[in-house]
Structures are given as C-alpha cells and as structure tokens.
C-alpha cells in the first residue's frame, strides 16, 4: 500500500471518483431537469407533428373526394354534351330529309304542272289545227245555201233560256 500512496495515478483516480460523486450529487437534478425539458419539447413537437399529419391526411382525403366529384361532374358534362350532339345530329338529319322530301315534292309538283300545261298547249294547238283544217275543208266544199242552212240549225240547237234565268238576268 505504500507504493500505492506514492503513485500519482492513484490520487488522480480518487480525485476523479470524488469529482464524479460531487458532480452526481450537485449536477444530477439540473442535468435531469434539462433532459426532462428537452424530452418534453421533443414530445410536444412529436404531438404537433402528429396533429399536422392527421390534418394533412384529412385534407388529402377531402381533396380526393373533391377531385372524384369534379371528375364525375366532368364526365357527366361530357356525356351530356355527347348526347346533345347526337340529338342535334339526328335532328339535323331529320330536318335535311324533310327539306329534301319537300324539295322533291315541289319538283314533282312543278313537273306535273309543266306536263299539264304542255298537254293543254298540245290540245289547244291540235284544236286550232283541226279548226283551221275543218274551216278550210268546209269552205272549200260548202256553198252558200248549205252554209245558211247549217247556221240556222246551229241557232235552233242553242239552249233556250228558262223563265227564271230570264228574270234574274
């Protein structure tokens, strides 16, 4: 043990143990208090972070719902627009068919009128030609006595006005 008392490392070791005992006795409460306050700060920050995360998840869920609703609305609008376009196309086709049918009917009516007018002109020309030929034939074959006799007969064949017609006239 004598050698131990002469060794400076022994005294350094004892001094170190005494320092540790004193540091433990006087520094334990402040160090533990500081550590506790740091632990509380960290806990508060973690709680705040959890709250922020929950809020963020809630907002994300709300935005996802809004996005889904907006997409559904957009799809409904597109669907409605397509249906409207199809209806407009069908209506336009029906209107075109009606217009074409009306134009065709009008053309057929014009053709019928033109045919009727042409037939009337042909008949009138035929009647005029027949009258000319008949008058030429009669003029060449008939004498004055026969012509007078035919005129008298035509006058006799004329209908006689009735008494009621004569009063009205």
N, C-alpha and C. Protein backbone atom coordinates (compact mmCIF):
# COMPACT_ATOMS: atom_id res chain seq x y z
N UNK A 1 0.79 -1.17 0.00
CA UNK A 1 0.00 0.00 0.00
C UNK A 1 0.85 1.26 0.00
N UNK A 2 2.03 1.17 0.48
CA UNK A 2 2.93 2.30 0.45
C UNK A 2 3.21 2.71 -0.97
N UNK A 3 3.32 1.78 -1.77
CA UNK A 3 3.57 2.11 -3.16
C UNK A 3 2.36 2.78 -3.79
N UNK A 4 1.27 2.42 -3.29
CA UNK A 4 0.04 2.98 -3.83
C UNK A 4 -0.08 4.45 -3.47
N UNK A 5 0.36 4.83 -2.32
CA UNK A 5 0.28 6.22 -1.90
C UNK A 5 1.29 7.07 -2.65
N UNK A 6 2.35 6.49 -3.13
CA UNK A 6 3.36 7.23 -3.88
C UNK A 6 2.98 7.38 -5.36
N UNK A 7 2.06 6.62 -5.81
CA UNK A 7 1.67 6.65 -7.24
C UNK A 7 0.69 7.80 -7.47
N UNK A 8 0.99 8.75 -8.40
CA UNK A 8 0.09 9.88 -8.65
C UNK A 8 -1.21 9.43 -9.32
N UNK A 9 -1.19 8.36 -10.05
CA UNK A 9 -2.40 7.89 -10.70
C UNK A 9 -3.45 7.47 -9.69
N UNK A 10 -3.05 7.00 -8.58
CA UNK A 10 -3.98 6.62 -7.52
C UNK A 10 -4.75 7.84 -7.07
N UNK A 11 -4.02 8.95 -6.85
CA UNK A 11 -4.68 10.18 -6.40
C UNK A 11 -5.56 10.77 -7.51
N UNK A 12 -5.08 10.60 -8.74
CA UNK A 12 -5.94 11.05 -9.85
C UNK A 12 -7.23 10.25 -9.89
N UNK A 13 -7.15 8.98 -9.65
CA UNK A 13 -8.34 8.11 -9.65
C UNK A 13 -9.28 8.49 -8.53
N UNK A 14 -8.70 8.74 -7.31
CA UNK A 14 -9.53 9.12 -6.16
C UNK A 14 -10.18 10.46 -6.44
N UNK A 15 -9.40 11.40 -7.00
CA UNK A 15 -9.93 12.73 -7.32
C UNK A 15 -11.06 12.60 -8.36
N UNK A 16 -10.86 11.70 -9.30
CA UNK A 16 -11.88 11.52 -10.32
C UNK A 16 -13.15 10.95 -9.73
N UNK A 17 -13.02 9.98 -8.80
CA UNK A 17 -14.20 9.38 -8.16
C UNK A 17 -14.90 10.43 -7.31
N UNK A 18 -14.15 11.26 -6.59
CA UNK A 18 -14.74 12.31 -5.76
C UNK A 18 -15.46 13.32 -6.68
N UNK A 19 -14.79 13.64 -7.83
CA UNK A 19 -15.42 14.57 -8.77
C UNK A 19 -16.73 14.01 -9.29
N UNK A 20 -16.73 12.74 -9.61
CA UNK A 20 -17.95 12.11 -10.09
C UNK A 20 -19.03 12.11 -9.02
N UNK A 21 -18.65 11.84 -7.75
CA UNK A 21 -19.63 11.82 -6.67
C UNK A 21 -20.21 13.20 -6.46
N UNK A 22 -19.36 14.22 -6.49
CA UNK A 22 -19.86 15.58 -6.32
C UNK A 22 -20.70 16.01 -7.52
N UNK A 23 -20.23 15.65 -8.71
CA UNK A 23 -20.99 16.00 -9.90
C UNK A 23 -22.35 15.32 -9.87
N UNK A 24 -22.36 14.09 -9.37
CA UNK A 24 -23.63 13.37 -9.28
C UNK A 24 -24.53 14.01 -8.26
N UNK A 25 -24.01 14.36 -7.15
CA UNK A 25 -24.79 14.92 -6.06
C UNK A 25 -25.34 16.29 -6.44
N UNK A 26 -24.51 17.16 -6.99
CA UNK A 26 -24.95 18.54 -7.27
C UNK A 26 -25.45 18.72 -8.71
N UNK A 27 -25.01 17.93 -9.62
CA UNK A 27 -25.38 18.15 -11.02
C UNK A 27 -26.49 17.25 -11.52
N UNK A 28 -26.89 16.28 -10.72
CA UNK A 28 -27.91 15.34 -11.17
C UNK A 28 -29.22 16.04 -11.42
N UNK A 29 -29.73 16.84 -10.52
CA UNK A 29 -31.03 17.49 -10.67
C UNK A 29 -31.04 18.47 -11.85
N UNK A 30 -30.06 19.35 -11.97
CA UNK A 30 -30.11 20.26 -13.13
C UNK A 30 -29.99 19.51 -14.47
N UNK A 31 -29.14 18.50 -14.51
CA UNK A 31 -28.97 17.77 -15.76
C UNK A 31 -30.24 17.00 -16.08
N UNK A 32 -30.83 16.33 -15.08
CA UNK A 32 -32.07 15.59 -15.31
C UNK A 32 -33.21 16.53 -15.65
N UNK A 33 -33.25 17.71 -15.01
CA UNK A 33 -34.27 18.71 -15.34
C UNK A 33 -34.13 19.18 -16.78
N UNK A 34 -32.88 19.44 -17.17
CA UNK A 34 -32.65 19.87 -18.55
C UNK A 34 -33.05 18.77 -19.53
N UNK A 35 -32.66 17.50 -19.20
CA UNK A 35 -33.03 16.38 -20.07
C UNK A 35 -34.55 16.22 -20.12
N UNK A 36 -35.22 16.37 -18.96
CA UNK A 36 -36.68 16.27 -18.94
C UNK A 36 -37.33 17.37 -19.80
N UNK A 37 -36.80 18.58 -19.71
CA UNK A 37 -37.37 19.68 -20.51
C UNK A 37 -37.15 19.41 -22.01
N UNK A 38 -35.99 18.87 -22.34
CA UNK A 38 -35.74 18.54 -23.75
C UNK A 38 -36.68 17.43 -24.21
N UNK A 39 -36.90 16.45 -23.33
CA UNK A 39 -37.83 15.35 -23.65
C UNK A 39 -39.23 15.91 -23.87
N UNK A 40 -39.66 16.84 -23.01
CA UNK A 40 -40.99 17.47 -23.17
C UNK A 40 -41.08 18.25 -24.48
N UNK A 41 -40.02 18.99 -24.80
CA UNK A 41 -40.02 19.73 -26.07
C UNK A 41 -40.19 18.78 -27.25
N UNK A 42 -39.43 17.69 -27.20
CA UNK A 42 -39.49 16.71 -28.29
C UNK A 42 -40.88 16.08 -28.37
N UNK A 43 -41.46 15.75 -27.17
CA UNK A 43 -42.81 15.17 -27.15
C UNK A 43 -43.83 16.15 -27.74
N UNK A 44 -43.71 17.41 -27.35
CA UNK A 44 -44.64 18.43 -27.87
C UNK A 44 -44.49 18.55 -29.40
N UNK A 45 -43.26 18.54 -29.85
CA UNK A 45 -43.04 18.63 -31.29
C UNK A 45 -43.60 17.40 -32.01
N UNK A 46 -43.43 16.22 -31.39
CA UNK A 46 -43.99 15.00 -31.99
C UNK A 46 -45.52 15.05 -32.01
N UNK A 47 -46.12 15.53 -30.88
CA UNK A 47 -47.58 15.66 -30.84
C UNK A 47 -48.07 16.64 -31.91
N UNK A 48 -47.36 17.76 -32.02
CA UNK A 48 -47.72 18.75 -33.04
C UNK A 48 -47.58 18.15 -34.44
N UNK A 49 -46.53 17.38 -34.65
CA UNK A 49 -46.32 16.74 -35.95
C UNK A 49 -47.43 15.73 -36.23
N UNK A 50 -47.87 14.98 -35.21
CA UNK A 50 -48.97 14.02 -35.38
C UNK A 50 -50.26 14.75 -35.75
N UNK A 51 -50.52 15.85 -35.04
CA UNK A 51 -51.72 16.64 -35.34
C UNK A 51 -51.67 17.16 -36.77
N UNK A 52 -50.52 17.68 -37.16
CA UNK A 52 -50.37 18.19 -38.52
C UNK A 52 -50.55 17.07 -39.56
N UNK A 53 -50.03 15.90 -39.22
CA UNK A 53 -50.17 14.77 -40.14
C UNK A 53 -51.63 14.37 -40.28
N UNK A 54 -52.35 14.31 -39.13
CA UNK A 54 -53.78 13.98 -39.19
C UNK A 54 -54.54 15.01 -40.02
N UNK A 55 -54.23 16.30 -39.80
CA UNK A 55 -54.88 17.36 -40.58
C UNK A 55 -54.57 17.22 -42.06
N UNK A 56 -53.30 16.92 -42.35
CA UNK A 56 -52.91 16.77 -43.75
C UNK A 56 -53.62 15.58 -44.39
N UNK A 57 -53.73 14.47 -43.66
CA UNK A 57 -54.43 13.30 -44.19
C UNK A 57 -55.90 13.60 -44.40
N UNK A 58 -56.49 14.35 -43.45
CA UNK A 58 -57.90 14.74 -43.60
C UNK A 58 -58.09 15.62 -44.83
N UNK A 59 -57.21 16.60 -44.99
CA UNK A 59 -57.30 17.49 -46.15
C UNK A 59 -57.08 16.71 -47.44
N UNK A 60 -56.14 15.76 -47.42
CA UNK A 60 -55.88 14.94 -48.60
C UNK A 60 -57.12 14.14 -48.96
N UNK A 61 -57.75 13.55 -47.95
CA UNK A 61 -58.98 12.78 -48.20
C UNK A 61 -60.07 13.68 -48.76
N UNK A 62 -60.21 14.90 -48.20
CA UNK A 62 -61.22 15.85 -48.71
C UNK A 62 -60.93 16.21 -50.15
N UNK A 63 -59.68 16.48 -50.45
CA UNK A 63 -59.33 16.85 -51.83
C UNK A 63 -59.52 15.68 -52.78
N UNK A 64 -59.26 14.47 -52.31
CA UNK A 64 -59.51 13.30 -53.17
C UNK A 64 -61.00 13.18 -53.46
N UNK A 65 -61.83 13.40 -52.42
CA UNK A 65 -63.28 13.36 -52.63
C UNK A 65 -63.70 14.47 -53.60
N UNK A 66 -63.16 15.67 -53.42
CA UNK A 66 -63.48 16.78 -54.32
C UNK A 66 -63.05 16.46 -55.75
N UNK A 67 -61.87 15.87 -55.87
CA UNK A 67 -61.37 15.52 -57.20
C UNK A 67 -62.28 14.48 -57.83
N UNK A 68 -62.67 13.47 -57.05
CA UNK A 68 -63.55 12.44 -57.58
C UNK A 68 -64.89 13.05 -58.00
N UNK A 69 -65.40 13.96 -57.18
CA UNK A 69 -66.66 14.63 -57.52
C UNK A 69 -66.49 15.47 -58.78
N UNK A 70 -65.39 16.18 -58.86
CA UNK A 70 -65.14 17.01 -60.05
C UNK A 70 -65.00 16.13 -61.29
N UNK A 71 -64.33 15.01 -61.16
CA UNK A 71 -64.19 14.10 -62.30
C UNK A 71 -65.54 13.54 -62.71
N UNK A 72 -66.36 13.18 -61.73
CA UNK A 72 -67.69 12.67 -62.04
C UNK A 72 -68.52 13.75 -62.73
N UNK A 73 -68.43 14.98 -62.23
CA UNK A 73 -69.15 16.09 -62.86
C UNK A 73 -68.66 16.31 -64.29
N UNK A 74 -67.36 16.26 -64.47
CA UNK A 74 -66.79 16.46 -65.81
C UNK A 74 -67.25 15.35 -66.75
N UNK A 75 -67.24 14.12 -66.26
CA UNK A 75 -67.71 13.01 -67.09
C UNK A 75 -69.18 13.16 -67.42
N UNK A 76 -69.97 13.61 -66.45
CA UNK A 76 -71.40 13.83 -66.71
C UNK A 76 -71.60 14.93 -67.75
N UNK A 77 -70.79 15.98 -67.65
CA UNK A 77 -70.90 17.08 -68.62
C UNK A 77 -70.53 16.58 -70.02
N UNK A 78 -69.45 15.80 -70.10
CA UNK A 78 -69.03 15.27 -71.39
C UNK A 78 -70.10 14.33 -71.95
N UNK A 79 -70.65 13.49 -71.10
CA UNK A 79 -71.70 12.55 -71.53
C UNK A 79 -72.91 13.33 -72.03
N UNK A 80 -73.29 14.36 -71.28
CA UNK A 80 -74.44 15.17 -71.67
C UNK A 80 -74.16 15.88 -73.00
N UNK A 81 -72.95 16.38 -73.17
CA UNK A 81 -72.59 17.06 -74.42
C UNK A 81 -72.64 16.08 -75.59
N UNK A 82 -72.16 14.86 -75.38
CA UNK A 82 -72.20 13.86 -76.45
C UNK A 82 -73.65 13.52 -76.80
N UNK A 83 -74.50 13.36 -75.77
CA UNK A 83 -75.91 13.08 -76.03
C UNK A 83 -76.57 14.23 -76.79
N UNK A 84 -76.25 15.45 -76.38
CA UNK A 84 -76.81 16.62 -77.05
C UNK A 84 -76.34 16.68 -78.50
N UNK A 85 -75.06 16.39 -78.71
CA UNK A 85 -74.53 16.39 -80.07
C UNK A 85 -75.21 15.33 -80.93
N UNK A 86 -75.44 14.16 -80.35
CA UNK A 86 -76.13 13.09 -81.09
C UNK A 86 -77.56 13.51 -81.42
N UNK A 87 -78.24 14.15 -80.45
CA UNK A 87 -79.61 14.62 -80.70
C UNK A 87 -79.62 15.69 -81.79
N UNK A 88 -78.66 16.62 -81.71
CA UNK A 88 -78.59 17.66 -82.73
C UNK A 88 -78.30 17.07 -84.10
N UNK A 89 -77.43 16.08 -84.14
CA UNK A 89 -77.11 15.43 -85.41
C UNK A 89 -78.34 14.73 -85.96
N UNK A 90 -79.05 14.00 -85.10
CA UNK A 90 -80.26 13.31 -85.54
C UNK A 90 -81.31 14.32 -86.02
N UNK A 91 -81.46 15.41 -85.29
CA UNK A 91 -82.42 16.45 -85.67
C UNK A 91 -82.04 17.07 -87.00
N UNK A 92 -80.73 17.34 -87.18
CA UNK A 92 -80.26 17.92 -88.44
C UNK A 92 -80.51 16.96 -89.60
N UNK A 93 -80.25 15.67 -89.37
CA UNK A 93 -80.50 14.68 -90.42
C UNK A 93 -81.99 14.62 -90.75
N UNK A 94 -82.83 14.63 -89.73
CA UNK A 94 -84.28 14.59 -89.96
C UNK A 94 -84.73 15.85 -90.70
N UNK A 95 -84.21 17.00 -90.30
CA UNK A 95 -84.56 18.25 -90.99
C UNK A 95 -84.11 18.21 -92.45
N UNK A 96 -82.91 17.68 -92.69
CA UNK A 96 -82.40 17.57 -94.05
C UNK A 96 -83.29 16.65 -94.88
N UNK A 97 -83.67 15.50 -94.30
CA UNK A 97 -84.54 14.58 -95.02
C UNK A 97 -85.88 15.24 -95.33
N UNK A 98 -86.43 15.97 -94.35
CA UNK A 98 -87.70 16.67 -94.58
C UNK A 98 -87.55 17.71 -95.68
N UNK A 99 -86.47 18.47 -95.62
CA UNK A 99 -86.25 19.51 -96.63
C UNK A 99 -86.09 18.88 -98.01
N UNK A 100 -85.32 17.79 -98.08
CA UNK A 100 -85.16 17.10 -99.36
C UNK A 100 -86.49 16.56 -99.87
N UNK A 101 -87.29 16.00 -98.98
CA UNK A 101 -88.60 15.48 -99.37
C UNK A 101 -89.49 16.62 -99.87
N UNK A 102 -89.46 17.77 -99.17
CA UNK A 102 -90.27 18.91 -99.61
C UNK A 102 -89.80 19.40 -100.98
N UNK A 103 -88.48 19.51 -101.15
CA UNK A 103 -87.96 19.96 -102.44
C UNK A 103 -88.32 18.97 -103.55
N UNK A 104 -88.24 17.68 -103.24
CA UNK A 104 -88.61 16.67 -104.22
C UNK A 104 -90.08 16.77 -104.56
N UNK A 105 -90.92 16.96 -103.54
CA UNK A 105 -92.36 17.09 -103.76
C UNK A 105 -92.65 18.34 -104.60
N UNK A 106 -91.95 19.45 -104.29
CA UNK A 106 -92.15 20.67 -105.07
C UNK A 106 -91.71 20.46 -106.51
N UNK A 107 -90.59 19.77 -106.71
CA UNK A 107 -90.12 19.50 -108.07
C UNK A 107 -91.12 18.63 -108.82
N UNK A 108 -91.63 17.60 -108.13
CA UNK A 108 -92.64 16.74 -108.77
C UNK A 108 -93.89 17.53 -109.12
N UNK A 109 -94.29 18.42 -108.22
CA UNK A 109 -95.48 19.26 -108.48
C UNK A 109 -95.23 20.18 -109.68
N UNK A 110 -94.02 20.76 -109.77
CA UNK A 110 -93.69 21.62 -110.91
C UNK A 110 -93.70 20.81 -112.21
N UNK A 111 -93.15 19.59 -112.13
CA UNK A 111 -93.15 18.73 -113.32
C UNK A 111 -94.58 18.42 -113.73
N UNK A 112 -95.43 18.09 -112.76
CA UNK A 112 -96.84 17.77 -113.06
C UNK A 112 -97.53 18.98 -113.69
N UNK A 113 -97.27 20.18 -113.12
CA UNK A 113 -97.88 21.39 -113.66
C UNK A 113 -97.37 21.64 -115.08
N UNK A 114 -96.06 21.45 -115.28
CA UNK A 114 -95.49 21.65 -116.61
C UNK A 114 -96.08 20.65 -117.60
N UNK A 115 -96.25 19.39 -117.16
CA UNK A 115 -96.87 18.39 -118.04
C UNK A 115 -98.30 18.79 -118.38
N UNK A 116 -99.05 19.25 -117.38
CA UNK A 116 -100.44 19.66 -117.61
C UNK A 116 -100.49 20.83 -118.59
N UNK A 117 -99.60 21.82 -118.36
CA UNK A 117 -99.58 22.97 -119.27
C UNK A 117 -99.18 22.54 -120.68
N UNK A 118 -98.19 21.64 -120.77
CA UNK A 118 -97.75 21.16 -122.09
C UNK A 118 -98.89 20.42 -122.80
N UNK A 119 -99.60 19.58 -122.04
CA UNK A 119 -100.73 18.85 -122.62
C UNK A 119 -101.81 19.82 -123.08
N UNK A 120 -102.06 20.86 -122.26
CA UNK A 120 -103.08 21.85 -122.64
C UNK A 120 -102.65 22.60 -123.89
N UNK A 121 -101.36 22.94 -123.98
CA UNK A 121 -100.86 23.63 -125.17
C UNK A 121 -100.97 22.74 -126.40
N UNK A 122 -100.62 21.43 -126.23
CA UNK A 122 -100.72 20.49 -127.35
C UNK A 122 -102.18 20.36 -127.79
N UNK A 123 -103.11 20.24 -126.83
CA UNK A 123 -104.54 20.12 -127.16
C UNK A 123 -105.03 21.38 -127.86
N UNK A 124 -104.62 22.54 -127.32
CA UNK A 124 -105.05 23.80 -127.93
C UNK A 124 -104.52 23.90 -129.36
N UNK A 125 -103.25 23.51 -129.54
CA UNK A 125 -102.67 23.54 -130.89
C UNK A 125 -103.40 22.57 -131.80
N UNK A 126 -103.72 21.37 -131.27
CA UNK A 126 -104.45 20.38 -132.06
C UNK A 126 -105.84 20.89 -132.41
N UNK A 127 -106.51 21.53 -131.45
CA UNK A 127 -107.86 22.07 -131.70
C UNK A 127 -107.77 23.18 -132.75
N UNK A 128 -106.79 24.07 -132.58
CA UNK A 128 -106.63 25.15 -133.56
C UNK A 128 -106.36 24.59 -134.96
N UNK A 129 -105.48 23.60 -135.01
CA UNK A 129 -105.17 22.99 -136.29
C UNK A 129 -106.40 22.32 -136.88
N UNK A 130 -107.16 21.58 -136.03
CA UNK A 130 -108.37 20.90 -136.50
C UNK A 130 -109.40 21.91 -136.97
N UNK A 131 -109.52 23.03 -136.24
CA UNK A 131 -110.48 24.06 -136.63
C UNK A 131 -110.07 24.70 -137.95
N UNK A 132 -108.80 24.95 -138.08
CA UNK A 132 -108.33 25.53 -139.34
C UNK A 132 -108.60 24.58 -140.51
N UNK A 133 -108.26 23.31 -140.28
CA UNK A 133 -108.48 22.33 -141.34
C UNK A 133 -109.96 22.14 -141.63
N UNK A 134 -110.77 22.12 -140.56
CA UNK A 134 -112.22 21.96 -140.76
C UNK A 134 -112.79 23.16 -141.51
N UNK A 135 -112.36 24.37 -141.10
CA UNK A 135 -112.88 25.56 -141.78
C UNK A 135 -112.44 25.60 -143.24
N UNK A 136 -111.21 25.19 -143.50
CA UNK A 136 -110.73 25.15 -144.89
C UNK A 136 -111.50 24.10 -145.68
N UNK A 137 -111.71 22.93 -145.05
CA UNK A 137 -112.44 21.86 -145.71
C UNK A 137 -113.87 22.31 -145.96
N UNK A 138 -114.50 22.87 -144.96
CA UNK A 138 -115.90 23.32 -145.11
C UNK A 138 -115.98 24.45 -146.13
N UNK A 139 -115.04 25.34 -146.09
CA UNK A 139 -115.07 26.47 -147.02
C UNK A 139 -114.89 25.98 -148.45
N UNK A 140 -114.11 25.01 -148.64
CA UNK A 140 -113.88 24.52 -149.99
C UNK A 140 -115.01 23.63 -150.47
N UNK A 141 -115.74 22.96 -149.61
CA UNK A 141 -116.76 22.01 -150.02
C UNK A 141 -118.18 22.56 -149.85
N UNK A 142 -118.37 23.64 -149.24
CA UNK A 142 -119.71 24.10 -148.92
C UNK A 142 -120.06 25.32 -149.77
N UNK A 143 -121.31 25.34 -150.16
CA UNK A 143 -121.77 26.52 -150.89
C UNK A 143 -122.56 27.40 -149.95
N UNK A 144 -123.11 28.51 -150.44
CA UNK A 144 -123.77 29.47 -149.55
C UNK A 144 -125.09 28.95 -149.02
N UNK A 145 -125.78 28.22 -149.73
CA UNK A 145 -127.07 27.70 -149.27
C UNK A 145 -126.87 26.72 -148.14
N UNK A 146 -125.91 25.85 -148.27
CA UNK A 146 -125.63 24.87 -147.22
C UNK A 146 -125.12 25.58 -145.99
N UNK A 147 -124.32 26.63 -146.14
CA UNK A 147 -123.80 27.37 -145.00
C UNK A 147 -124.92 28.05 -144.27
N UNK A 148 -125.88 28.63 -144.95
CA UNK A 148 -127.02 29.28 -144.28
C UNK A 148 -127.85 28.28 -143.54
N UNK A 149 -128.07 27.10 -144.16
CA UNK A 149 -128.84 26.05 -143.53
C UNK A 149 -128.16 25.58 -142.24
N UNK A 150 -126.84 25.41 -142.24
CA UNK A 150 -126.09 24.98 -141.03
C UNK A 150 -126.16 26.05 -139.96
N UNK A 151 -126.11 27.32 -140.33
CA UNK A 151 -126.20 28.40 -139.35
C UNK A 151 -127.56 28.41 -138.70
N UNK A 152 -128.63 28.21 -139.48
CA UNK A 152 -129.99 28.17 -138.92
C UNK A 152 -130.13 26.98 -137.97
N UNK A 153 -129.57 25.86 -138.34
CA UNK A 153 -129.65 24.67 -137.50
C UNK A 153 -128.88 24.89 -136.19
N UNK A 154 -127.73 25.55 -136.22
CA UNK A 154 -126.94 25.81 -135.01
C UNK A 154 -127.69 26.74 -134.08
N UNK A 155 -128.41 27.73 -134.66
CA UNK A 155 -129.19 28.65 -133.83
C UNK A 155 -130.33 27.91 -133.18
N UNK A 156 -130.93 27.01 -133.88
CA UNK A 156 -132.05 26.24 -133.34
C UNK A 156 -131.58 25.29 -132.24
N UNK A 157 -130.37 24.78 -132.37
CA UNK A 157 -129.86 23.83 -131.37
C UNK A 157 -129.39 24.51 -130.09
N UNK A 158 -129.31 25.80 -130.07
CA UNK A 158 -128.86 26.51 -128.87
C UNK A 158 -129.90 26.36 -127.78
N UNK A 159 -129.47 26.18 -126.51
CA UNK A 159 -130.44 26.03 -125.43
C UNK A 159 -131.20 27.33 -125.22
N UNK A 160 -132.48 27.17 -124.90
CA UNK A 160 -133.32 28.33 -124.69
C UNK A 160 -133.27 28.71 -123.22
N UNK A 161 -133.16 30.01 -122.94
CA UNK A 161 -133.12 30.42 -121.54
C UNK A 161 -134.46 30.17 -120.89
N UNK A 162 -134.45 29.70 -119.68
CA UNK A 162 -135.69 29.44 -118.94
C UNK A 162 -136.22 30.76 -118.40
N UNK A 163 -137.44 30.72 -117.89
CA UNK A 163 -138.09 31.93 -117.40
C UNK A 163 -137.37 32.46 -116.17
N UNK A 164 -136.88 31.58 -115.30
CA UNK A 164 -136.21 32.02 -114.08
C UNK A 164 -134.88 32.71 -114.43
N UNK A 165 -134.20 32.19 -115.42
CA UNK A 165 -132.93 32.78 -115.82
C UNK A 165 -133.17 34.12 -116.47
N UNK A 166 -134.24 34.22 -117.20
CA UNK A 166 -134.54 35.48 -117.87
C UNK A 166 -134.86 36.56 -116.85
N UNK A 167 -135.58 36.22 -115.77
CA UNK A 167 -135.89 37.18 -114.73
C UNK A 167 -134.63 37.62 -113.98
N UNK A 168 -133.73 36.69 -113.74
CA UNK A 168 -132.51 37.00 -113.00
C UNK A 168 -131.60 37.87 -113.82
N UNK A 169 -131.64 37.69 -115.16
CA UNK A 169 -130.77 38.47 -116.00
C UNK A 169 -131.33 39.85 -116.11
